C-alpha atoms as a PDB file:
ATOM      1  CA  MET A   1       6.129  -7.699  50.595  1.00  0.00           C
ATOM      2  CA  GLU A   2       8.282  -9.866  49.115  1.00  0.00           C
ATOM      3  CA  ILE A   3       4.932 -12.023  47.700  1.00  0.00           C
ATOM      4  CA  LEU A   4       4.005  -8.272  46.328  1.00  0.00           C
ATOM      5  CA  ILE A   5       6.891  -7.960  44.299  1.00  0.00           C
ATOM      6  CA  THR A   6       6.748 -11.375  43.056  1.00  0.00           C
ATOM      7  CA  LEU A   7       3.472 -10.993  41.744  1.00  0.00           C
ATOM      8  CA  LEU A   8       4.523  -8.112  40.266  1.00  0.00           C
ATOM      9  CA  CYS A   9       7.304  -9.411  38.488  1.00  0.00           C
ATOM     10  CA  ILE A  10       5.454 -12.205  37.266  1.00  0.00           C
ATOM     11  CA  ILE A  11       3.107  -9.969  35.883  1.00  0.00           C
ATOM     12  CA  THR A  12       5.341  -7.763  34.000  1.00  0.00           C
ATOM     13  CA  VAL A  13       7.122 -11.427  32.661  1.00  0.00           C
ATOM     14  CA  LEU A  14       3.512 -12.422  31.044  1.00  0.00           C
ATOM     15  CA  VAL A  15       2.940  -9.233  29.913  1.00  0.00           C
ATOM     16  CA  ILE A  16       6.232  -8.734  27.933  1.00  0.00           C
ATOM     17  CA  LEU A  17       6.018 -12.659  26.738  1.00  0.00           C
ATOM     18  CA  TYR A  18       2.045 -11.471  25.899  1.00  0.00           C
ATOM     19  CA  PHE A  19       3.016  -8.409  23.609  1.00  0.00           C
ATOM     20  CA  GLY A  20       6.461  -9.946  22.380  1.00  0.00           C
ATOM     21  CA  LEU A  21       4.385 -12.977  21.380  1.00  0.00           C
ATOM     22  CA  ALA A  22       1.787 -10.349  19.158  1.00  0.00           C
ATOM     23  CA  PHE A  23       4.592  -8.376  17.586  1.00  0.00           C
ATOM     24  CA  ILE A  24       6.257 -11.664  16.215  1.00  0.00           C
ATOM     25  CA  LEU A  25       3.095 -12.783  14.893  1.00  0.00           C
ATOM     26  CA  ILE A  26       2.478  -9.696  13.491  1.00  0.00           C
ATOM     27  CA  GLN A  27       5.749  -9.779  12.194  1.00  0.00           C
ATOM     28  CA  ILE A  28       5.637 -12.781  10.293  1.00  0.00           C
ATOM     29  CA  ARG A  29       2.324 -11.658   8.357  1.00  0.00           C
ATOM     30  CA  ARG A  30       3.430  -8.330   7.511  1.00  0.00           C
ATOM     31  CA  PRO A  31       4.099  -8.221   3.836  1.00  0.00           C
ATOM     32  CA  LYS A  32       7.893  -8.606   2.908  1.00  0.00           C
ATOM     33  CA  PHE A  33       9.779  -5.837   0.809  1.00  0.00           C
ATOM     34  CA  ASN A  34      12.866  -7.511  -0.854  1.00  0.00           C
ATOM     35  CA  ASN A  35      15.262  -7.584  -4.117  1.00  0.00           C
ATOM     36  CA  LYS A  36      15.199 -11.699  -4.406  1.00  0.00           C
ATOM     37  CA  GLY A  37      14.300 -12.900  -8.371  1.00  0.00           C
ATOM     38  CA  TYR A  38      11.685 -15.270  -9.211  1.00  0.00           C
ATOM     39  CA  THR A  39      11.392 -18.080  -8.250  1.00  0.00           C
ATOM     40  CA  LYS A  40      12.053 -21.076 -10.341  1.00  0.00           C
ATOM     41  CA  LEU A  41       8.272 -22.007 -10.924  1.00  0.00           C
ATOM     42  CA  GLU A  42       7.244 -18.555 -11.550  1.00  0.00           C
ATOM     43  CA  LYS A  43      10.189 -18.445 -14.391  1.00  0.00           C
ATOM     44  CA  LYS A  44       8.424 -21.323 -16.217  1.00  0.00           C
ATOM     45  CA  LEU A  45       4.806 -19.734 -15.409  1.00  0.00           C
ATOM     46  CA  LEU A  46       6.047 -16.219 -16.758  1.00  0.00           C
ATOM     47  CA  ASP A  47       7.968 -17.605 -19.975  1.00  0.00           C
ATOM     48  CA  ILE A  48       4.114 -19.106 -20.953  1.00  0.00           C
ATOM     49  CA  PHE A  49       2.909 -16.104 -20.100  1.00  0.00           C
ATOM     50  CA  THR A  50       4.905 -14.321 -22.364  1.00  0.00           C
ATOM     51  CA  SER A  51       4.542 -16.630 -25.769  1.00  0.00           C
ATOM     52  CA  MET A  52       0.412 -15.956 -25.066  1.00  0.00           C
ATOM     53  CA  PHE A  53       0.863 -12.476 -27.146  1.00  0.00           C
ATOM     54  CA  ASP A  54       1.863 -11.510 -30.428  1.00  0.00           C
ATOM     55  CA  PRO A  55       5.941 -11.692 -30.758  1.00  0.00           C
ATOM     56  CA  ASP A  56       6.370  -7.407 -29.915  1.00  0.00           C
ATOM     57  CA  LEU A  57       4.133  -7.367 -27.236  1.00  0.00           C
ATOM     58  CA  ALA A  58       5.700 -10.170 -25.750  1.00  0.00           C
ATOM     59  CA  GLU A  59       9.514  -8.772 -26.206  1.00  0.00           C
ATOM     60  CA  LYS A  60       8.272  -5.861 -24.229  1.00  0.00           C
ATOM     61  CA  ILE A  61       6.488  -8.111 -21.433  1.00  0.00           C
ATOM     62  CA  LYS A  62       9.871  -9.495 -21.369  1.00  0.00           C
ATOM     63  CA  LYS A  63      11.914  -6.657 -20.568  1.00  0.00           C
ATOM     64  CA  GLN A  64       9.752  -5.821 -18.506  1.00  0.00           C
ATOM     65  CA  ILE A  65       9.858  -8.959 -16.326  1.00  0.00           C
ATOM     66  CA  GLU A  66      13.779  -8.573 -16.574  1.00  0.00           C
ATOM     67  CA  TYR A  67      13.715  -5.395 -15.316  1.00  0.00           C
ATOM     68  CA  PHE A  68      11.867  -5.954 -12.258  1.00  0.00           C
ATOM     69  CA  GLU A  69      13.471  -9.370 -11.354  1.00  0.00           C
ATOM     70  CA  ASN A  70      16.138  -7.902  -9.219  1.00  0.00           C
ATOM     71  CA  LYS A  71      14.475  -5.254  -7.809  1.00  0.00           C
ATOM     72  CA  ARG A  72      11.780  -3.978  -5.195  1.00  0.00           C
ATOM     73  CA  LYS A  73       9.170  -6.163  -4.944  1.00  0.00           C
ATOM     74  CA  TRP A  74       6.311  -7.125  -2.152  1.00  0.00           C
ATOM     75  CA  ARG A  75       6.032 -10.880  -1.705  1.00  0.00           C
ATOM     76  CA  GLN A  76       3.515 -12.549   0.809  1.00  0.00           C
ATOM     77  CA  TYR A  77       2.324 -16.005   1.692  1.00  0.00           C
ATOM     78  CA  TRP A  78      -0.924 -16.327   2.670  1.00  0.00           C
ATOM     79  CA  GLU A  79      -2.481 -19.554   4.310  1.00  0.00           C
ATOM     80  CA  LYS A  80      -3.927 -20.519   0.761  1.00  0.00           C
ATOM     81  CA  SER A  81      -2.168 -18.435  -1.959  1.00  0.00           C
ATOM     82  CA  MET A  82       0.958 -16.326  -2.524  1.00  0.00           C
ATOM     83  CA  SER A  83       0.851 -12.372  -4.037  1.00  0.00           C
ATOM     84  CA  ILE A  84       3.618 -10.278  -5.474  1.00  0.00           C
ATOM     85  CA  GLU A  85       3.601  -6.834  -6.204  1.00  0.00           C
ATOM     86  CA  LEU A  86       6.608  -5.196  -8.599  1.00  0.00           C
ATOM     87  CA  TYR A  87       7.670  -1.909  -7.610  1.00  0.00           C
ATOM     88  CA  GLY A  88      11.061  -1.236  -8.885  1.00  0.00           C
ATOM     89  CA  ASP A  89      13.442   1.396  -7.602  1.00  0.00           C
ATOM     90  CA  LYS A  90      13.445   3.964 -10.289  1.00  0.00           C
ATOM     91  CA  LYS A  91      11.314   4.933 -13.045  1.00  0.00           C
ATOM     92  CA  MET A  92      10.588   2.442 -15.728  1.00  0.00           C
ATOM     93  CA  SER A  93      11.542   3.859 -19.236  1.00  0.00           C
ATOM     94  CA  PRO A  94       8.017   5.070 -21.527  1.00  0.00           C
ATOM     95  CA  ASP A  95       9.583   2.604 -24.101  1.00  0.00           C
ATOM     96  CA  LEU A  96       8.687  -0.114 -22.343  1.00  0.00           C
ATOM     97  CA  LYS A  97       5.603  -0.001 -21.625  1.00  0.00           C
ATOM     98  CA  TYR A  98       2.377  -1.317 -23.541  1.00  0.00           C
ATOM     99  CA  SER A  99      -0.822   1.073 -24.150  1.00  0.00           C
ATOM    100  CA  ARG A 100      -2.967  -0.389 -21.414  1.00  0.00           C
ATOM    101  CA  GLN A 101      -2.975   2.227 -18.490  1.00  0.00           C
ATOM    102  CA  ASP A 102      -6.083   1.382 -16.331  1.00  0.00           C
ATOM    103  CA  GLU A 103      -5.621  -1.812 -13.220  1.00  0.00           C
ATOM    104  CA  SER A 104      -6.731  -4.881 -14.740  1.00  0.00           C
ATOM    105  CA  LYS A 105      -5.994  -8.377 -15.145  1.00  0.00           C
ATOM    106  CA  ILE A 106      -4.141  -9.367 -18.166  1.00  0.00           C
ATOM    107  CA  ALA A 107      -3.868 -13.714 -18.440  1.00  0.00           C
ATOM    108  CA  THR A 108      -4.526 -16.749 -15.941  1.00  0.00           C
ATOM    109  CA  ILE A 109      -3.245 -19.556 -16.382  1.00  0.00           C
ATOM    110  CA  LYS A 110      -4.508 -23.165 -14.666  1.00  0.00           C
ATOM    111  CA  PHE A 111      -1.929 -25.676 -14.335  1.00  0.00           C
ATOM    112  CA  LYS A 112      -1.096 -28.838 -12.422  1.00  0.00           C
ATOM    113  CA  VAL A 113       1.439 -29.977 -10.013  1.00  0.00           C
ATOM    114  CA  ASN A 114       1.466 -33.623  -8.718  1.00  0.00           C
ATOM    115  CA  GLU A 115      -2.006 -34.007  -9.619  1.00  0.00           C
ATOM    116  CA  GLU A 116      -2.879 -31.091  -7.782  1.00  0.00           C
ATOM    117  CA  GLN A 117      -4.846 -28.237  -9.494  1.00  0.00           C
ATOM    118  CA  TYR A 118      -3.011 -23.873  -9.362  1.00  0.00           C
ATOM    119  CA  SER A 119      -4.411 -20.940 -10.846  1.00  0.00           C
ATOM    120  CA  ILE A 120      -1.930 -17.576 -11.567  1.00  0.00           C
ATOM    121  CA  VAL A 121      -3.648 -14.408 -12.327  1.00  0.00           C
ATOM    122  CA  PHE A 122      -1.619 -11.883 -13.503  1.00  0.00           C
ATOM    123  CA  ASP A 123      -2.052  -8.100 -13.181  1.00  0.00           C
ATOM    124  CA  SER A 124      -1.265  -5.064 -15.189  1.00  0.00           C
ATOM    125  CA  TYR A 125      -1.418  -1.485 -13.761  1.00  0.00           C
ATOM    126  CA  ASP A 126       0.035   1.796 -15.634  1.00  0.00           C
ATOM    127  CA  GLY A 127       1.495   0.100 -18.650  1.00  0.00           C
ATOM    128  CA  ARG A 128       3.252  -2.930 -17.480  1.00  0.00           C
ATOM    129  CA  ILE A 129       2.671  -5.707 -15.195  1.00  0.00           C
ATOM    130  CA  TRP A 130       2.291  -5.376 -12.236  1.00  0.00           C
ATOM    131  CA  GLY A 131       2.404  -8.868 -10.270  1.00  0.00           C
ATOM    132  CA  TRP A 132       0.617 -11.762  -9.987  1.00  0.00           C
ATOM    133  CA  LYS A 133      -1.142 -14.452  -7.406  1.00  0.00           C
ATOM    134  CA  ILE A 134      -0.768 -18.179  -7.278  1.00  0.00           C
ATOM    135  CA  ARG A 135      -3.867 -20.280  -5.560  1.00  0.00           C
ATOM    136  CA  PRO A 136      -4.035 -22.115  -3.752  1.00  0.00           C
ATOM    137  CA  ASN A 137      -0.342 -21.602  -1.562  1.00  0.00           C
ATOM    138  CA  PRO A 138       2.127 -22.629  -4.079  1.00  0.00           C
ATOM    139  CA  LYS A 139       5.313 -22.312  -1.439  1.00  0.00           C
ATOM    140  CA  ARG A 140       6.123 -25.782  -1.645  1.00  0.00           C
ATOM    141  CA  ILE A 141       6.467 -26.158  -5.385  1.00  0.00           C
ATOM    142  CA  GLN A 142       8.216 -22.876  -6.182  1.00  0.00           C
ATOM    143  CA  LYS A 143      11.383 -24.713  -6.783  1.00  0.00           C
ATOM    144  CA  THR A 144       9.891 -26.712  -9.586  1.00  0.00           C
ATOM    145  CA  ASP A 145       9.315 -26.257 -13.202  1.00  0.00           C
ATOM    146  CA  ASN A 146       7.328 -29.661 -14.383  1.00  0.00           C
ATOM    147  CA  ILE A 147       4.013 -28.499 -14.626  1.00  0.00           C
ATOM    148  CA  GLU A 148       1.545 -29.368 -16.522  1.00  0.00           C
ATOM    149  CA  ILE A 149      -1.003 -26.980 -18.221  1.00  0.00           C
ATOM    150  CA  ILE A 150      -4.643 -26.927 -18.353  1.00  0.00           C
ATOM    151  CA  SER A 151      -5.983 -23.904 -19.495  1.00  0.00           C
ATOM    152  CA  LYS A 152      -4.850 -20.248 -20.284  1.00  0.00           C
ATOM    153  CA  LYS A 153      -6.944 -17.017 -20.977  1.00  0.00           C
ATOM    154  CA  ILE A 154      -6.064 -13.316 -22.133  1.00  0.00           C
ATOM    155  CA  ASN A 155      -8.463 -11.410 -20.280  1.00  0.00           C
ATOM    156  CA  ASN A 156      -7.639  -8.219 -21.269  1.00  0.00           C
ATOM    157  CA  ASP A 157      -5.167  -7.348 -24.025  1.00  0.00           C
ATOM    158  CA  PRO A 158      -2.552  -5.170 -22.788  1.00  0.00           C
ATOM    159  CA  ASN A 159      -2.465  -3.573 -26.482  1.00  0.00           C
ATOM    160  CA  GLU A 160      -5.673  -1.887 -26.045  1.00  0.00           C
ATOM    161  CA  LYS A 161      -5.532   2.181 -25.589  1.00  0.00           C
ATOM    162  CA  VAL A 162      -7.277   1.894 -22.305  1.00  0.00           C
ATOM    163  CA  VAL A 163      -6.532   5.402 -20.403  1.00  0.00           C
ATOM    164  CA  ILE A 164      -8.894   6.173 -17.679  1.00  0.00           C
ATOM    165  CA  SER A 165      -7.299   9.216 -15.895  1.00  0.00           C
ATOM    166  CA  ILE A 166      -9.857  11.610 -13.772  1.00  0.00           C
ATOM    167  CA  GLU A 167      -8.604  15.300 -12.559  1.00  0.00           C
ATOM    168  CA  LYS A 168     -10.690  15.620  -9.389  1.00  0.00           C
ATOM    169  CA  THR A 169     -11.846  19.086  -8.426  1.00  0.00           C
ATOM    170  CA  LYS A 170     -12.685  19.723  -4.835  1.00  0.00           C
ATOM    171  CA  PHE A 171     -15.394  22.250  -4.166  1.00  0.00           C
ATOM    172  CA  LYS A 172     -15.019  25.639  -2.986  1.00  0.00           C
ATOM    173  CA  THR A 173     -17.264  25.568  -0.169  1.00  0.00           C
ATOM    174  CA  ILE A 174     -18.113  21.619   1.259  1.00  0.00           C
ATOM    175  CA  PRO A 175     -21.930  21.779   1.126  1.00  0.00           C
ATOM    176  CA  ASN A 176     -24.602  19.895   2.984  1.00  0.00           C
ATOM    177  CA  PHE A 177     -24.622  16.225   2.047  1.00  0.00           C
ATOM    178  CA  ASP A 178     -27.587  13.906   2.323  1.00  0.00           C
ATOM    179  CA  GLY A 179     -27.568  10.443   3.390  1.00  0.00           C
ATOM    180  CA  VAL A 180     -25.323   8.757   6.036  1.00  0.00           C
ATOM    181  CA  ILE A 181     -22.542  11.550   5.459  1.00  0.00           C
ATOM    182  CA  GLY A 182     -24.999  14.070   6.963  1.00  0.00           C
ATOM    183  CA  GLU A 183     -25.101  12.213  10.376  1.00  0.00           C
ATOM    184  CA  ILE A 184     -21.480  11.610   9.886  1.00  0.00           C
ATOM    185  CA  VAL A 185     -20.676  15.135   9.730  1.00  0.00           C
ATOM    186  CA  LYS A 186     -22.567  15.498  13.747  1.00  0.00           C
ATOM    187  CA  VAL A 187     -19.130  14.355  15.204  1.00  0.00           C
ATOM    188  CA  LYS A 188     -16.644  14.132  12.211  1.00  0.00           C
ATOM    189  CA  THR A 189     -15.468  17.499  10.178  1.00  0.00           C
ATOM    190  CA  ILE A 190     -14.305  17.335   6.938  1.00  0.00           C
ATOM    191  CA  LYS A 191     -11.468  18.276   5.595  1.00  0.00           C
ATOM    192  CA  THR A 192     -11.943  18.070   1.910  1.00  0.00           C
ATOM    193  CA  ALA A 193     -14.636  17.373  -0.306  1.00  0.00           C
ATOM    194  CA  TYR A 194     -14.335  16.622  -4.446  1.00  0.00           C
ATOM    195  CA  ASN A 195     -17.162  17.355  -7.129  1.00  0.00           C
ATOM    196  CA  PRO A 196     -19.001  14.336  -8.100  1.00  0.00           C
ATOM    197  CA  LEU A 197     -18.156  12.989 -11.241  1.00  0.00           C
ATOM    198  CA  ILE A 198     -21.341  13.192 -14.103  1.00  0.00           C
ATOM    199  CA  SER A 199     -22.989   9.827 -14.438  1.00  0.00           C
ATOM    200  CA  GLN A 200     -21.815   8.330 -17.847  1.00  0.00           C
ATOM    201  CA  GLN A 201     -18.277   8.556 -15.756  1.00  0.00           C
ATOM    202  CA  ILE A 202     -19.633   6.998 -13.138  1.00  0.00           C
ATOM    203  CA  GLU A 203     -21.693   3.677 -14.996  1.00  0.00           C
ATOM    204  CA  THR A 204     -17.746   3.037 -16.559  1.00  0.00           C
ATOM    205  CA  PHE A 205     -15.966   3.104 -13.576  1.00  0.00           C
ATOM    206  CA  LYS A 206     -18.819   0.566 -11.793  1.00  0.00           C
ATOM    207  CA  ARG A 207     -18.618  -1.888 -15.141  1.00  0.00           C
ATOM    208  CA  LYS A 208     -14.666  -2.082 -14.020  1.00  0.00           C
ATOM    209  CA  ILE A 209     -15.694  -3.399 -10.339  1.00  0.00           C
ATOM    210  CA  ASP A 210     -16.066  -6.904 -10.344  1.00  0.00           C
ATOM    211  CA  SER A 211     -18.838  -7.047  -7.243  1.00  0.00           C
ATOM    212  CA  VAL A 212     -21.780  -5.498  -6.373  1.00  0.00           C
ATOM    213  CA  LEU A 213     -21.363  -1.981  -4.800  1.00  0.00           C
ATOM    214  CA  PRO A 214     -23.741  -1.092  -1.764  1.00  0.00           C
ATOM    215  CA  ASN A 215     -26.249   1.710  -2.232  1.00  0.00           C
ATOM    216  CA  GLY A 216     -25.072   3.798   0.359  1.00  0.00           C
ATOM    217  CA  TYR A 217     -21.606   4.092  -1.268  1.00  0.00           C
ATOM    218  CA  ILE A 218     -23.226   5.211  -4.895  1.00  0.00           C
ATOM    219  CA  GLN A 219     -25.618   7.800  -2.963  1.00  0.00           C
ATOM    220  CA  ILE A 220     -22.254   9.395  -1.302  1.00  0.00           C
ATOM    221  CA  ILE A 221     -20.535   9.206  -5.045  1.00  0.00           C
ATOM    222  CA  GLU A 222     -23.731  10.607  -6.836  1.00  0.00           C
ATOM    223  CA  GLN A 223     -22.800  13.661  -4.810  1.00  0.00           C
ATOM    224  CA  THR A 224     -18.784  13.611  -4.390  1.00  0.00           C
ATOM    225  CA  GLU A 225     -16.152  12.111  -6.047  1.00  0.00           C
ATOM    226  CA  GLY A 226     -14.114  11.169  -2.523  1.00  0.00           C
ATOM    227  CA  LEU A 227     -14.101  12.652   1.347  1.00  0.00           C
ATOM    228  CA  GLU A 228     -11.544  13.193   3.260  1.00  0.00           C
ATOM    229  CA  PHE A 229     -11.836  13.809   7.332  1.00  0.00           C
ATOM    230  CA  ASN A 230      -8.935  13.505  10.153  1.00  0.00           C
ATOM    231  CA  ASP A 231      -8.718   9.440  10.667  1.00  0.00           C
ATOM    232  CA  PHE A 232     -10.623   8.152   7.438  1.00  0.00           C
ATOM    233  CA  ARG A 233     -11.207   8.680   4.190  1.00  0.00           C
ATOM    234  CA  ILE A 234     -14.204   7.794   1.382  1.00  0.00           C
ATOM    235  CA  LEU A 235     -12.690   6.646  -1.789  1.00  0.00           C
ATOM    236  CA  GLY A 236     -14.439   8.346  -4.987  1.00  0.00           C
ATOM    237  CA  ILE A 237     -15.109   5.409  -7.852  1.00  0.00           C
ATOM    238  CA  SER A 238     -12.136   6.786 -10.083  1.00  0.00           C
ATOM    239  CA  GLU A 239     -10.030   5.748  -7.106  1.00  0.00           C
ATOM    240  CA  ILE A 240     -10.746   2.623  -5.970  1.00  0.00           C
ATOM    241  CA  GLN A 241      -8.311   0.153  -5.522  1.00  0.00           C
ATOM    242  CA  ARG A 242      -7.559  -3.803  -5.321  1.00  0.00           C
ATOM    243  CA  THR A 243      -5.913  -5.240  -2.972  1.00  0.00           C
ATOM    244  CA  GLY A 244      -4.993  -9.180  -2.936  1.00  0.00           C
ATOM    245  CA  LEU A 245      -5.686 -11.252   0.196  1.00  0.00           C
ATOM    246  CA  ASP A 246      -5.508 -14.482   1.148  1.00  0.00           C
ATOM    247  CA  ASP A 247      -8.597 -15.626  -0.367  1.00  0.00           C
ATOM    248  CA  GLY A 248      -9.608 -13.515  -2.870  1.00  0.00           C
ATOM    249  CA  ASP A 249      -9.430  -9.444  -4.084  1.00  0.00           C
ATOM    250  CA  TYR A 250     -10.662  -6.292  -2.059  1.00  0.00           C
ATOM    251  CA  PHE A 251     -11.528  -3.204  -3.591  1.00  0.00           C
ATOM    252  CA  HIS A 252     -10.921  -0.625  -1.046  1.00  0.00           C
ATOM    253  CA  LEU A 253     -14.413   1.570  -0.329  1.00  0.00           C
ATOM    254  CA  VAL A 254     -12.959   3.860   2.813  1.00  0.00           C
ATOM    255  CA  GLU A 255      -9.775   3.684   4.401  1.00  0.00           C
ATOM    256  CA  PHE A 256      -9.003   4.165   7.897  1.00  0.00           C
ATOM    257  CA  ASP A 257      -5.379   4.178   9.685  1.00  0.00           C
ATOM    258  CA  ASP A 258      -5.741   0.692  10.615  1.00  0.00           C
ATOM    259  CA  GLY A 259      -7.913  -1.187   7.816  1.00  0.00           C
ATOM    260  CA  ILE A 260     -10.345  -1.283   4.826  1.00  0.00           C
ATOM    261  CA  ILE A 261     -14.029  -1.181   4.251  1.00  0.00           C
ATOM    262  CA  ALA A 262     -14.298  -3.310   1.298  1.00  0.00           C
ATOM    263  CA  VAL A 263     -16.209  -5.347  -1.221  1.00  0.00           C
ATOM    264  CA  LYS A 264     -14.607  -8.411  -2.648  1.00  0.00           C
ATOM    265  CA  GLU A 265     -14.413  -9.115  -5.902  1.00  0.00           C
ATOM    266  CA  ASN A 266     -17.346 -11.247  -7.804  1.00  0.00           C
ATOM    267  CA  ASP A 267     -18.905 -11.203  -4.772  1.00  0.00           C
ATOM    268  CA  GLN A 268     -22.540 -10.245  -6.120  1.00  0.00           C
ATOM    269  CA  ASN A 269     -24.074 -10.367  -2.557  1.00  0.00           C
ATOM    270  CA  GLY A 270     -22.781  -6.696  -1.374  1.00  0.00           C
ATOM    271  CA  GLU A 271     -21.303  -8.238   1.872  1.00  0.00           C
ATOM    272  CA  LEU A 272     -18.903  -5.302   3.559  1.00  0.00           C
ATOM    273  CA  TYR A 273     -15.736  -6.519   5.032  1.00  0.00           C
ATOM    274  CA  PHE A 274     -13.269  -4.895   7.387  1.00  0.00           C
ATOM    275  CA  CYS A 275      -9.382  -6.164   6.084  1.00  0.00           C
ATOM    276  CA  HIS A 276      -6.860  -5.111   9.040  1.00  0.00           C
ATOM    277  CA  PHE A 277      -3.615  -3.790   7.858  1.00  0.00           C
ATOM    278  CA  SER A 278      -1.617  -5.376  11.148  1.00  0.00           C
ATOM    279  CA  ASP A 279      -2.214  -8.645  10.795  1.00  0.00           C
ATOM    280  CA  GLY A 280      -4.714  -9.703   7.589  1.00  0.00           C
ATOM    281  CA  LEU A 281      -7.789 -10.913   9.246  1.00  0.00           C
ATOM    282  CA  ILE A 282     -10.900 -10.212   7.403  1.00  0.00           C
ATOM    283  CA  ASP A 283     -14.331  -9.233   9.165  1.00  0.00           C
ATOM    284  CA  GLU A 284     -17.310  -9.530   7.799  1.00  0.00           C
ATOM    285  CA  LEU A 285     -19.692  -6.412   7.833  1.00  0.00           C
ATOM    286  CA  GLY A 286     -23.095  -7.370   6.500  1.00  0.00           C
ATOM    287  CA  THR A 287     -24.514  -5.476   3.585  1.00  0.00           C
ATOM    288  CA  ASP A 288     -25.439  -2.005   4.894  1.00  0.00           C
ATOM    289  CA  PHE A 289     -22.909   0.149   4.235  1.00  0.00           C
ATOM    290  CA  ASP A 290     -24.568   3.210   5.872  1.00  0.00           C
ATOM    291  CA  LYS A 291     -24.613   1.265   9.447  1.00  0.00           C
ATOM    292  CA  THR A 292     -21.296  -0.084   8.593  1.00  0.00           C
ATOM    293  CA  LEU A 293     -19.609   3.201   8.321  1.00  0.00           C
ATOM    294  CA  LYS A 294     -21.687   5.198  11.031  1.00  0.00           C
ATOM    295  CA  GLU A 295     -20.744   2.695  13.098  1.00  0.00           C
ATOM    296  CA  ARG A 296     -17.110   2.740  12.239  1.00  0.00           C
ATOM    297  CA  THR A 297     -16.782   6.345  12.562  1.00  0.00           C
ATOM    298  CA  THR A 298     -18.567   6.878  15.685  1.00  0.00           C
ATOM    299  CA  LEU A 299     -17.075   4.058  17.481  1.00  0.00           C
ATOM    300  CA  LYS A 300     -13.407   5.624  16.222  1.00  0.00           C
ATOM    301  CA  LYS A 301     -14.617   9.305  18.040  1.00  0.00           C
ATOM    302  CA  ASN A 302     -15.896   6.917  21.094  1.00  0.00           C
ATOM    303  CA  CYS A 303     -12.631   6.195  21.634  1.00  0.00           C
ATOM    304  CA  GLU A 304     -10.592   9.405  20.803  1.00  0.00           C
END
């Protein structure tokens, strides 16, 4: 009896240690929100960034940067990169925003520190600077401003009036969908379906995605601008989001509670990925969107 109790105690301790370690590892990788200001390196790069634009626009961007400096932001150091997104804690004054409304890259700067080459990409959204990504991981050089500029490029003009606004409308009666959705509805119930965009609108949004969208996904959006199920949703092409991870940016196609099916920026092979929310890990899924979607949804159904 004593031996049995001892074994149970050992097993209990091992289980606690296992889950404790798993929790710690997840917390280490989980993005942190904070109100800390910018690093010395970032301040230098932000000065160079604002100087790339005409004086009026530069002054507006400078005020945006000052607004966000000590407000809520998301910063994550990955193995190969660092991402920062600026959230703030209240609505920014419209007077501080520029004309461009879409999600886009606005500038890229390549630079050297101690003969090692880095790049920083500045992102824009809703008329203001959204954040930036530095590759490779700049953690060990964040306290320096002694940098050598290699190149500077404006990717998209912030003063260009680009307003992407689509008002999605729901189907009053959910239709019978062709293809993979017709198979999925045998085991999953559609909560909401939206009327598809016209072909010209679809083409406009396709041009904004810097990678190949899978044929299976295109066939879906030709029938509907997004579908919502109880435990996942297929995004319409007008609402595809970009997430910056360690090795690059990923475009959301399907969102689950625990991660996303995505395509990678600048990937012309149509490769699909599953990006996990909890630990930042990425699974390669191949190029067959229909097969991937069926496997993910059927697997979740069988586990319910």
